[in-house]
Amino acid sequence: MNILVTGSRGQLGTELQKIAATDQKHSWFFTDIDELDITNNEAVKFYFQHNGIEACVNCAAYTAVDKAEDEPEKAMLINAKAVELLADACLEAGALLIHVSTDYVFSGHHFKPYEESHPIEPQSAYGRTKAEGERIVNAHSCRSIIVRTSWLYSAVGINFVKTMMRLGSEKESINVIYDQAGTPTWAFDLAWALVLMLDSDKKDAVKQIYHFSNEGITSWYDFAIEIMEISESKCKVNPIPSSAWPVRTPRPHYSVLSKEKFKTDYKVGIPHWKQSLKKCISEINGQKQPK
C-alpha cells in the first residue's frame, strides 16, 4: 500500500518512521505542515491523487490542552475540520483512514476501564474538538478506524517522561499529583499497533473504534517514581492532590482504557507500561534497549 502519515514529526509519527525504515511491504509518505497542510482541501486532494494514497494514518493534532481554551477555533480546525478533508480524500481514493484520538473525549469521572462503546463526554475545549473529529469520522462514508490512546510519551518531543528525567537531574525534590489514574503509552507500541491494523484483513471493515495503551494502571506520582528509579535519579518525588496543582483545564481523574477489543480482534498481547518505560528510557539515554 501507499500509506500517508500526517503529523509525522510528532512522537507517534517519528516512531512510525522508524518502523517504515525496515518495512519492505509498503510505500510510506511522511508529511507534516511544511509538506502538506491538511487544512487545505485542494492540497489534500492533490496529494492523495498524485501519490496514489491507499491508507492515511492521521497523527496530526492540536494537543495544547490549556491553550485550546484560548484558541478553540484553531483546535477545531486541526482536530475536526482537517479530519473531514482527510476523510473526503480517503473516500474519493477508496483509502482507509486511521484516525488517532484521545482519552480526553471521556469525562474522566468513570471508575472502571473505558470501553469503546462508553458515551463520550469531553470536559475541555481540546476534548470537545477531538470528540468532534471522531463524530465526523464516524458519520463519514469512508472506511475508518479510530484509535484512542492516553498518556503518550517517547524519546522525542515534550512529554512527561522526558520532563521528569530533566527535573530529576536538576532538583532534589519535586511534587507530582497522586489522585489521577491512567495508563502510559509508549509511542513505539502504539505505532506497532497501527501497523498491525494496516497489515490486517480487518482494515476492510467499514467502521471500527479501538482503544490502545500499555497494560496496567498507575498515577502520575507512581509513574514519576518509576521514571526516577529507572533513570537512577536521587530526586525525591512528593505526592500531592490535584487541588494543590491548579491548572486552567481540569485533567481526567480516571482515564484507563480497556484494550480487550483490540487484544481479542488482533490476538496479541500488549506490553506492561513498566516494561515499555524501561525501553524508552534506555533509548533516551542512548543505550541498547533491554530485552
C-alpha atoms as a PDB file:
ATOM      1  CA  MET A   1       0.000   0.000   0.000  1.00  0.00           C
ATOM      2  CA  ASN A   2       0.870   3.642  -0.393  1.00  0.00           C
ATOM      3  CA  ILE A   3       0.475   4.950   3.170  1.00  0.00           C
ATOM      4  CA  LEU A   4       0.273   8.623   4.118  1.00  0.00           C
ATOM      5  CA  VAL A   5       1.227   9.636   7.658  1.00  0.00           C
ATOM      6  CA  THR A   6       0.288  13.172   8.736  1.00  0.00           C
ATOM      7  CA  GLY A   7       1.896  14.886  11.713  1.00  0.00           C
ATOM      8  CA  SER A   8       4.990  12.815  11.019  1.00  0.00           C
ATOM      9  CA  ARG A   9       7.394  14.845  13.170  1.00  0.00           C
ATOM     10  CA  GLY A  10       5.418  14.249  16.357  1.00  0.00           C
ATOM     11  CA  GLN A  11       6.005  11.423  18.820  1.00  0.00           C
ATOM     12  CA  LEU A  12       3.857   8.852  17.036  1.00  0.00           C
ATOM     13  CA  GLY A  13       4.863   9.889  13.536  1.00  0.00           C
ATOM     14  CA  THR A  14       8.527   9.586  14.458  1.00  0.00           C
ATOM     15  CA  GLU A  15       8.038   6.030  15.704  1.00  0.00           C
ATOM     16  CA  LEU A  16       6.165   5.118  12.523  1.00  0.00           C
ATOM     17  CA  GLN A  17       9.120   6.412  10.541  1.00  0.00           C
ATOM     18  CA  LYS A  18      11.418   4.016  12.423  1.00  0.00           C
ATOM     19  CA  ILE A  19       9.176   1.073  11.588  1.00  0.00           C
ATOM     20  CA  ALA A  20       8.803   2.158   7.965  1.00  0.00           C
ATOM     21  CA  ALA A  21      12.581   2.305   7.548  1.00  0.00           C
ATOM     22  CA  THR A  22      12.722  -1.501   7.627  1.00  0.00           C
ATOM     23  CA  ASP A  23       9.350  -2.201   6.008  1.00  0.00           C
ATOM     24  CA  GLN A  24       9.606  -3.880   2.611  1.00  0.00           C
ATOM     25  CA  LYS A  25       5.859  -4.242   2.013  1.00  0.00           C
ATOM     26  CA  HIS A  26       4.554  -0.684   1.837  1.00  0.00           C
ATOM     27  CA  SER A  27       5.479   2.706   0.428  1.00  0.00           C
ATOM     28  CA  TRP A  28       5.307   5.352   3.144  1.00  0.00           C
ATOM     29  CA  PHE A  29       4.704   9.083   2.677  1.00  0.00           C
ATOM     30  CA  PHE A  30       5.527  11.123   5.772  1.00  0.00           C
ATOM     31  CA  THR A  31       4.251  14.698   5.921  1.00  0.00           C
ATOM     32  CA  ASP A  32       3.987  17.496   8.425  1.00  0.00           C
ATOM     33  CA  ILE A  33       2.741  21.057   7.989  1.00  0.00           C
ATOM     34  CA  ASP A  34       5.687  22.006   5.737  1.00  0.00           C
ATOM     35  CA  GLU A  35       4.972  19.165   3.295  1.00  0.00           C
ATOM     36  CA  LEU A  36       1.161  19.062   3.457  1.00  0.00           C
ATOM     37  CA  ASP A  37      -1.299  21.479   5.027  1.00  0.00           C
ATOM     38  CA  ILE A  38      -4.172  19.179   5.947  1.00  0.00           C
ATOM     39  CA  THR A  39      -6.470  22.196   6.417  1.00  0.00           C
ATOM     40  CA  ASN A  40      -6.122  22.972   2.683  1.00  0.00           C
ATOM     41  CA  ASN A  41      -8.703  20.944   0.751  1.00  0.00           C
ATOM     42  CA  GLU A  42      -7.069  21.293  -2.654  1.00  0.00           C
ATOM     43  CA  ALA A  43      -3.644  20.406  -1.306  1.00  0.00           C
ATOM     44  CA  VAL A  44      -5.002  17.285   0.399  1.00  0.00           C
ATOM     45  CA  LYS A  45      -6.864  16.109  -2.702  1.00  0.00           C
ATOM     46  CA  PHE A  46      -3.832  16.697  -4.937  1.00  0.00           C
ATOM     47  CA  TYR A  47      -1.523  14.823  -2.575  1.00  0.00           C
ATOM     48  CA  PHE A  48      -3.805  11.789  -2.485  1.00  0.00           C
ATOM     49  CA  GLN A  49      -4.235  11.734  -6.249  1.00  0.00           C
ATOM     50  CA  HIS A  50      -0.602  12.462  -7.118  1.00  0.00           C
ATOM     51  CA  ASN A  51       0.752   9.745  -4.793  1.00  0.00           C
ATOM     52  CA  GLY A  52      -1.974   7.117  -5.132  1.00  0.00           C
ATOM     53  CA  ILE A  53      -2.625   7.060  -1.383  1.00  0.00           C
ATOM     54  CA  GLU A  54      -4.385   3.879  -0.224  1.00  0.00           C
ATOM     55  CA  ALA A  55      -4.297   4.462   3.547  1.00  0.00           C
ATOM     56  CA  CYS A  56      -3.897   7.524   5.751  1.00  0.00           C
ATOM     57  CA  VAL A  57      -2.741   7.478   9.374  1.00  0.00           C
ATOM     58  CA  ASN A  58      -3.679  10.832  10.869  1.00  0.00           C
ATOM     59  CA  CYS A  59      -1.241  11.611  13.668  1.00  0.00           C
ATOM     60  CA  ALA A  60      -1.666  15.373  13.273  1.00  0.00           C
ATOM     61  CA  ALA A  61      -3.444  17.080  16.155  1.00  0.00           C
ATOM     62  CA  TYR A  62      -3.715  20.244  18.202  1.00  0.00           C
ATOM     63  CA  THR A  63      -2.723  18.899  21.630  1.00  0.00           C
ATOM     64  CA  ALA A  64      -2.101  22.003  23.773  1.00  0.00           C
ATOM     65  CA  VAL A  65      -4.830  21.279  26.323  1.00  0.00           C
ATOM     66  CA  ASP A  66      -4.785  24.605  28.182  1.00  0.00           C
ATOM     67  CA  LYS A  67      -4.058  26.758  25.129  1.00  0.00           C
ATOM     68  CA  ALA A  68      -7.063  25.244  23.355  1.00  0.00           C
ATOM     69  CA  GLU A  69      -9.300  27.165  25.754  1.00  0.00           C
ATOM     70  CA  ASP A  70      -7.949  30.376  24.167  1.00  0.00           C
ATOM     71  CA  GLU A  71      -7.762  29.001  20.625  1.00  0.00           C
ATOM     72  CA  PRO A  72     -10.850  26.792  20.227  1.00  0.00           C
ATOM     73  CA  GLU A  73     -11.207  27.727  16.555  1.00  0.00           C
ATOM     74  CA  LYS A  74      -7.624  26.697  15.754  1.00  0.00           C
ATOM     75  CA  ALA A  75      -8.012  23.472  17.735  1.00  0.00           C
ATOM     76  CA  MET A  76     -11.273  22.735  15.903  1.00  0.00           C
ATOM     77  CA  LEU A  77      -9.659  23.447  12.538  1.00  0.00           C
ATOM     78  CA  ILE A  78      -6.905  20.874  13.083  1.00  0.00           C
ATOM     79  CA  ASN A  79      -8.733  18.311  15.222  1.00  0.00           C
ATOM     80  CA  ALA A  80     -12.023  18.252  13.311  1.00  0.00           C
ATOM     81  CA  LYS A  81     -12.269  20.227  10.074  1.00  0.00           C
ATOM     82  CA  ALA A  82      -8.961  18.924   8.719  1.00  0.00           C
ATOM     83  CA  VAL A  83     -10.073  15.414   9.638  1.00  0.00           C
ATOM     84  CA  GLU A  84     -13.123  15.872   7.422  1.00  0.00           C
ATOM     85  CA  LEU A  85     -10.887  16.850   4.499  1.00  0.00           C
ATOM     86  CA  LEU A  86      -8.789  13.720   5.026  1.00  0.00           C
ATOM     87  CA  ALA A  87     -11.950  11.606   5.233  1.00  0.00           C
ATOM     88  CA  ASP A  88     -13.248  13.155   1.987  1.00  0.00           C
ATOM     89  CA  ALA A  89      -9.946  12.406   0.251  1.00  0.00           C
ATOM     90  CA  CYS A  90      -9.954   8.836   1.596  1.00  0.00           C
ATOM     91  CA  LEU A  91     -13.474   8.257   0.313  1.00  0.00           C
ATOM     92  CA  GLU A  92     -12.599   9.578  -3.142  1.00  0.00           C
ATOM     93  CA  ALA A  93      -9.461   7.423  -3.278  1.00  0.00           C
ATOM     94  CA  GLY A  94     -11.055   4.345  -1.727  1.00  0.00           C
ATOM     95  CA  ALA A  95      -8.454   4.614   1.029  1.00  0.00           C
ATOM     96  CA  LEU A  96      -8.561   3.627   4.703  1.00  0.00           C
ATOM     97  CA  LEU A  97      -8.420   6.383   7.334  1.00  0.00           C
ATOM     98  CA  ILE A  98      -6.837   5.568  10.694  1.00  0.00           C
ATOM     99  CA  HIS A  99      -7.520   8.499  12.994  1.00  0.00           C
ATOM    100  CA  VAL A 100      -5.731   8.815  16.350  1.00  0.00           C
ATOM    101  CA  SER A 101      -7.869  10.173  19.180  1.00  0.00           C
ATOM    102  CA  THR A 102      -7.623  10.552  22.932  1.00  0.00           C
ATOM    103  CA  ASP A 103      -8.919   9.606  26.368  1.00  0.00           C
ATOM    104  CA  TYR A 104      -9.961  13.262  26.748  1.00  0.00           C
ATOM    105  CA  VAL A 105     -13.193  12.534  24.869  1.00  0.00           C
ATOM    106  CA  PHE A 106     -14.398  10.912  28.116  1.00  0.00           C
ATOM    107  CA  SER A 107     -15.396  12.733  31.296  1.00  0.00           C
ATOM    108  CA  GLY A 108     -12.710  11.114  33.443  1.00  0.00           C
ATOM    109  CA  HIS A 109     -15.316  10.519  36.159  1.00  0.00           C
ATOM    110  CA  HIS A 110     -15.716   6.800  35.491  1.00  0.00           C
ATOM    111  CA  PHE A 111     -14.464   4.078  37.834  1.00  0.00           C
ATOM    112  CA  LYS A 112     -13.527   1.191  35.540  1.00  0.00           C
ATOM    113  CA  PRO A 113     -11.667   0.953  32.218  1.00  0.00           C
ATOM    114  CA  TYR A 114     -13.488   2.781  29.443  1.00  0.00           C
ATOM    115  CA  GLU A 115     -14.746   0.540  26.658  1.00  0.00           C
ATOM    116  CA  GLU A 116     -15.073   1.783  23.090  1.00  0.00           C
ATOM    117  CA  SER A 117     -18.861   1.993  23.377  1.00  0.00           C
ATOM    118  CA  HIS A 118     -18.859   4.171  26.511  1.00  0.00           C
ATOM    119  CA  PRO A 119     -20.621   7.507  25.936  1.00  0.00           C
ATOM    120  CA  ILE A 120     -18.195  10.352  25.330  1.00  0.00           C
ATOM    121  CA  GLU A 121     -18.419  13.454  27.498  1.00  0.00           C
ATOM    122  CA  PRO A 122     -15.457  15.795  26.924  1.00  0.00           C
ATOM    123  CA  GLN A 123     -14.730  18.306  29.663  1.00  0.00           C
ATOM    124  CA  SER A 124     -12.418  20.705  27.806  1.00  0.00           C
ATOM    125  CA  ALA A 125     -12.083  22.566  24.523  1.00  0.00           C
ATOM    126  CA  TYR A 126      -9.367  20.111  23.496  1.00  0.00           C
ATOM    127  CA  GLY A 127     -11.588  17.150  24.328  1.00  0.00           C
ATOM    128  CA  ARG A 128     -14.554  18.660  22.508  1.00  0.00           C
ATOM    129  CA  THR A 129     -12.539  19.231  19.324  1.00  0.00           C
ATOM    130  CA  LYS A 130     -11.214  15.674  19.390  1.00  0.00           C
ATOM    131  CA  ALA A 131     -14.727  14.383  20.009  1.00  0.00           C
ATOM    132  CA  GLU A 132     -15.948  16.378  17.009  1.00  0.00           C
ATOM    133  CA  GLY A 133     -13.203  14.810  14.908  1.00  0.00           C
ATOM    134  CA  GLU A 134     -14.447  11.394  15.981  1.00  0.00           C
ATOM    135  CA  ARG A 135     -18.040  12.342  15.165  1.00  0.00           C
ATOM    136  CA  ILE A 136     -17.036  13.400  11.668  1.00  0.00           C
ATOM    137  CA  VAL A 137     -15.153  10.162  11.022  1.00  0.00           C
ATOM    138  CA  ASN A 138     -17.980   8.015  12.368  1.00  0.00           C
ATOM    139  CA  ALA A 139     -20.569   9.817  10.242  1.00  0.00           C
ATOM    140  CA  HIS A 140     -18.441   9.707   7.108  1.00  0.00           C
ATOM    141  CA  SER A 141     -18.769   7.090   4.365  1.00  0.00           C
ATOM    142  CA  CYS A 142     -15.040   6.354   4.152  1.00  0.00           C
ATOM    143  CA  ARG A 143     -13.533   3.212   5.660  1.00  0.00           C
ATOM    144  CA  SER A 144     -12.101   4.191   9.026  1.00  0.00           C
ATOM    145  CA  ILE A 145     -10.547   3.089  12.290  1.00  0.00           C
ATOM    146  CA  ILE A 146     -10.473   5.431  15.281  1.00  0.00           C
ATOM    147  CA  VAL A 147      -7.762   4.614  17.816  1.00  0.00           C
ATOM    148  CA  ARG A 148      -7.965   6.280  21.223  1.00  0.00           C
ATOM    149  CA  THR A 149      -4.840   6.416  23.364  1.00  0.00           C
ATOM    150  CA  SER A 150      -3.610   8.031  26.584  1.00  0.00           C
ATOM    151  CA  TRP A 151      -0.541   9.472  28.335  1.00  0.00           C
ATOM    152  CA  LEU A 152       1.658   9.228  25.239  1.00  0.00           C
ATOM    153  CA  TYR A 153       5.428   9.535  25.610  1.00  0.00           C
ATOM    154  CA  SER A 154       8.586   8.778  23.623  1.00  0.00           C
ATOM    155  CA  ALA A 155      12.246   9.718  23.270  1.00  0.00           C
ATOM    156  CA  VAL A 156      11.346  12.775  21.164  1.00  0.00           C
ATOM    157  CA  GLY A 157       9.316  15.908  21.775  1.00  0.00           C
ATOM    158  CA  ILE A 158       7.991  17.220  25.072  1.00  0.00           C
ATOM    159  CA  ASN A 159       6.357  14.655  27.334  1.00  0.00           C
ATOM    160  CA  PHE A 160       6.042  13.600  30.967  1.00  0.00           C
ATOM    161  CA  VAL A 161       8.901  11.077  30.894  1.00  0.00           C
ATOM    162  CA  LYS A 162      11.449  13.489  29.458  1.00  0.00           C
ATOM    163  CA  THR A 163      10.275  16.277  31.768  1.00  0.00           C
ATOM    164  CA  MET A 164      10.633  14.060  34.849  1.00  0.00           C
ATOM    165  CA  MET A 165      14.092  12.922  33.747  1.00  0.00           C
ATOM    166  CA  ARG A 166      15.172  16.542  33.286  1.00  0.00           C
ATOM    167  CA  LEU A 167      13.765  17.627  36.639  1.00  0.00           C
ATOM    168  CA  GLY A 168      15.285  14.553  38.254  1.00  0.00           C
ATOM    169  CA  SER A 169      18.724  15.693  37.139  1.00  0.00           C
ATOM    170  CA  GLU A 170      18.175  19.305  38.235  1.00  0.00           C
ATOM    171  CA  LYS A 171      16.250  19.179  41.517  1.00  0.00           C
ATOM    172  CA  GLU A 172      16.429  17.461  44.894  1.00  0.00           C
ATOM    173  CA  SER A 173      12.640  17.041  45.095  1.00  0.00           C
ATOM    174  CA  ILE A 174       9.501  17.610  43.019  1.00  0.00           C
ATOM    175  CA  ASN A 175       5.746  17.464  43.621  1.00  0.00           C
ATOM    176  CA  VAL A 176       3.593  15.190  41.444  1.00  0.00           C
ATOM    177  CA  ILE A 177      -0.167  14.572  41.504  1.00  0.00           C
ATOM    178  CA  TYR A 178      -1.224  11.250  43.013  1.00  0.00           C
ATOM    179  CA  ASP A 179      -5.023  11.267  42.520  1.00  0.00           C
ATOM    180  CA  GLN A 180      -5.264  10.996  38.722  1.00  0.00           C
ATOM    181  CA  ALA A 181      -5.184   7.450  37.342  1.00  0.00           C
ATOM    182  CA  GLY A 182      -4.465   6.278  33.819  1.00  0.00           C
ATOM    183  CA  THR A 183      -2.092   4.248  31.695  1.00  0.00           C
ATOM    184  CA  PRO A 184       1.071   5.499  29.986  1.00  0.00           C
ATOM    185  CA  THR A 185       1.558   4.628  26.324  1.00  0.00           C
ATOM    186  CA  TRP A 186       4.960   4.316  24.669  1.00  0.00           C
ATOM    187  CA  ALA A 187       4.579   5.792  21.191  1.00  0.00           C
ATOM    188  CA  PHE A 188       6.549   2.897  19.685  1.00  0.00           C
ATOM    189  CA  ASP A 189       3.995   0.378  20.982  1.00  0.00           C
ATOM    190  CA  LEU A 190       1.133   2.441  19.565  1.00  0.00           C
ATOM    191  CA  ALA A 191       2.941   2.697  16.223  1.00  0.00           C
ATOM    192  CA  TRP A 192       3.358  -1.084  16.217  1.00  0.00           C
ATOM    193  CA  ALA A 193      -0.390  -1.465  16.845  1.00  0.00           C
ATOM    194  CA  LEU A 194      -1.250   0.856  13.956  1.00  0.00           C
ATOM    195  CA  VAL A 195       0.983  -1.089  11.569  1.00  0.00           C
ATOM    196  CA  LEU A 196      -0.689  -4.278  12.755  1.00  0.00           C
ATOM    197  CA  MET A 197      -4.035  -2.755  11.795  1.00  0.00           C
ATOM    198  CA  LEU A 198      -2.719  -1.706   8.389  1.00  0.00           C
ATOM    199  CA  ASP A 199      -1.481  -5.237   7.684  1.00  0.00           C
ATOM    200  CA  SER A 200      -4.672  -6.956   8.858  1.00  0.00           C
ATOM    201  CA  ASP A 201      -7.643  -8.002   6.744  1.00  0.00           C
ATOM    202  CA  LYS A 202      -9.792  -6.316   9.397  1.00  0.00           C
ATOM    203  CA  LYS A 203      -8.933  -2.949   7.848  1.00  0.00           C
ATOM    204  CA  ASP A 204     -11.556  -3.681   5.204  1.00  0.00           C
ATOM    205  CA  ALA A 205     -14.312  -3.295   7.804  1.00  0.00           C
ATOM    206  CA  VAL A 206     -16.305  -0.100   7.297  1.00  0.00           C
ATOM    207  CA  LYS A 207     -16.115   1.388  10.807  1.00  0.00           C
ATOM    208  CA  GLN A 208     -14.118   0.447  13.903  1.00  0.00           C
ATOM    209  CA  ILE A 209     -13.042   2.077  17.157  1.00  0.00           C
ATOM    210  CA  TYR A 210     -10.215   0.659  19.274  1.00  0.00           C
ATOM    211  CA  HIS A 211      -8.515   1.653  22.488  1.00  0.00           C
ATOM    212  CA  PHE A 212      -4.777   1.224  22.829  1.00  0.00           C
ATOM    213  CA  SER A 213      -2.400   1.997  25.674  1.00  0.00           C
ATOM    214  CA  ASN A 214       0.101  -0.119  27.512  1.00  0.00           C
ATOM    215  CA  GLU A 215      -1.168  -2.538  30.155  1.00  0.00           C
ATOM    216  CA  GLY A 216      -1.557  -1.661  33.816  1.00  0.00           C
ATOM    217  CA  ILE A 217      -2.861   1.290  35.796  1.00  0.00           C
ATOM    218  CA  THR A 218      -0.883   3.964  37.588  1.00  0.00           C
ATOM    219  CA  SER A 219      -0.975   7.543  38.863  1.00  0.00           C
ATOM    220  CA  TRP A 220       1.224  10.399  37.732  1.00  0.00           C
ATOM    221  CA  TYR A 221       3.001  10.125  41.092  1.00  0.00           C
ATOM    222  CA  ASP A 222       3.765   6.420  40.740  1.00  0.00           C
ATOM    223  CA  PHE A 223       4.710   6.982  37.104  1.00  0.00           C
ATOM    224  CA  ALA A 224       7.228   9.625  38.226  1.00  0.00           C
ATOM    225  CA  ILE A 225       8.594   7.314  40.941  1.00  0.00           C
ATOM    226  CA  GLU A 226       9.244   4.611  38.340  1.00  0.00           C
ATOM    227  CA  ILE A 227      10.922   7.088  35.994  1.00  0.00           C
ATOM    228  CA  MET A 228      13.281   8.214  38.762  1.00  0.00           C
ATOM    229  CA  GLU A 229      14.130   4.644  39.735  1.00  0.00           C
ATOM    230  CA  ILE A 230      14.858   3.503  36.178  1.00  0.00           C
ATOM    231  CA  SER A 231      16.912   6.616  35.403  1.00  0.00           C
ATOM    232  CA  GLU A 232      18.736   6.243  38.756  1.00  0.00           C
ATOM    233  CA  SER A 233      17.835   9.728  39.911  1.00  0.00           C
ATOM    234  CA  LYS A 234      18.155  10.695  43.580  1.00  0.00           C
ATOM    235  CA  CYS A 235      15.337  13.225  43.216  1.00  0.00           C
ATOM    236  CA  LYS A 236      12.578  12.748  45.804  1.00  0.00           C
ATOM    237  CA  VAL A 237       9.005  12.671  44.465  1.00  0.00           C
ATOM    238  CA  ASN A 238       6.355  14.077  46.797  1.00  0.00           C
ATOM    239  CA  PRO A 239       2.684  13.109  46.296  1.00  0.00           C
ATOM    240  CA  ILE A 240       0.191  15.980  46.117  1.00  0.00           C
ATOM    241  CA  PRO A 241      -3.555  16.134  45.346  1.00  0.00           C
ATOM    242  CA  SER A 242      -4.868  17.723  42.165  1.00  0.00           C
ATOM    243  CA  SER A 243      -6.219  20.587  44.264  1.00  0.00           C
ATOM    244  CA  ALA A 244      -2.650  21.563  45.165  1.00  0.00           C
ATOM    245  CA  TRP A 245      -1.685  21.924  41.487  1.00  0.00           C
ATOM    246  CA  PRO A 246      -4.330  24.163  39.910  1.00  0.00           C
ATOM    247  CA  VAL A 247      -4.484  24.195  36.133  1.00  0.00           C
ATOM    248  CA  ARG A 248      -6.778  26.064  33.813  1.00  0.00           C
ATOM    249  CA  THR A 249      -8.173  22.894  32.267  1.00  0.00           C
ATOM    250  CA  PRO A 250      -9.053  20.052  34.664  1.00  0.00           C
ATOM    251  CA  ARG A 251      -7.395  16.755  33.764  1.00  0.00           C
ATOM    252  CA  PRO A 252      -9.320  13.461  33.857  1.00  0.00           C
ATOM    253  CA  HIS A 253      -9.217  11.834  37.271  1.00  0.00           C
ATOM    254  CA  TYR A 254      -9.610   8.408  35.676  1.00  0.00           C
ATOM    255  CA  SER A 255      -8.781   7.675  32.054  1.00  0.00           C
ATOM    256  CA  VAL A 256      -7.887   3.990  31.908  1.00  0.00           C
ATOM    257  CA  LEU A 257      -8.825   2.499  28.535  1.00  0.00           C
ATOM    258  CA  SER A 258      -9.976  -1.087  28.071  1.00  0.00           C
ATOM    259  CA  LYS A 259      -7.902  -2.869  25.408  1.00  0.00           C
ATOM    260  CA  GLU A 260      -9.930  -6.099  25.390  1.00  0.00           C
ATOM    261  CA  LYS A 261     -11.428  -5.449  21.950  1.00  0.00           C
ATOM    262  CA  PHE A 262      -8.008  -4.838  20.379  1.00  0.00           C
ATOM    263  CA  LYS A 263      -6.449  -7.907  22.029  1.00  0.00           C
ATOM    264  CA  THR A 264      -9.373 -10.118  21.028  1.00  0.00           C
ATOM    265  CA  ASP A 265      -9.601  -8.941  17.426  1.00  0.00           C
ATOM    266  CA  TYR A 266      -5.875  -8.993  16.722  1.00  0.00           C
ATOM    267  CA  LYS A 267      -4.996 -11.906  19.037  1.00  0.00           C
ATOM    268  CA  VAL A 268      -1.964 -10.188  20.542  1.00  0.00           C
ATOM    269  CA  GLY A 269      -0.753  -9.171  23.962  1.00  0.00           C
ATOM    270  CA  ILE A 270       0.249  -5.648  24.959  1.00  0.00           C
ATOM    271  CA  PRO A 271       3.397  -4.846  26.988  1.00  0.00           C
ATOM    272  CA  HIS A 272       3.024  -3.554  30.551  1.00  0.00           C
ATOM    273  CA  TRP A 273       3.780   0.144  30.925  1.00  0.00           C
ATOM    274  CA  LYS A 274       6.783  -0.506  33.184  1.00  0.00           C
ATOM    275  CA  GLN A 275       8.361  -2.801  30.609  1.00  0.00           C
ATOM    276  CA  SER A 276       7.952  -0.239  27.828  1.00  0.00           C
ATOM    277  CA  LEU A 277       9.108   2.622  30.046  1.00  0.00           C
ATOM    278  CA  LYS A 278      12.436   0.866  30.604  1.00  0.00           C
ATOM    279  CA  LYS A 279      12.946   0.545  26.852  1.00  0.00           C
ATOM    280  CA  CYS A 280      12.102   4.185  26.226  1.00  0.00           C
ATOM    281  CA  ILE A 281      14.402   5.493  28.952  1.00  0.00           C
ATOM    282  CA  SER A 282      17.166   3.261  27.614  1.00  0.00           C
ATOM    283  CA  GLU A 283      16.615   4.856  24.209  1.00  0.00           C
ATOM    284  CA  ILE A 284      16.653   8.346  25.703  1.00  0.00           C
ATOM    285  CA  ASN A 285      19.943   7.552  27.411  1.00  0.00           C
ATOM    286  CA  GLY A 286      21.355   6.276  24.145  1.00  0.00           C
ATOM    287  CA  GLN A 287      21.808   2.767  25.486  1.00  0.00           C
ATOM    288  CA  LYS A 288      20.949  -0.576  23.926  1.00  0.00           C
ATOM    289  CA  GLN A 289      17.315  -1.445  24.622  1.00  0.00           C
ATOM    290  CA  PRO A 290      16.950  -4.242  27.191  1.00  0.00           C
ATOM    291  CA  LYS A 291      15.331  -7.477  26.063  1.00  0.00           C
END
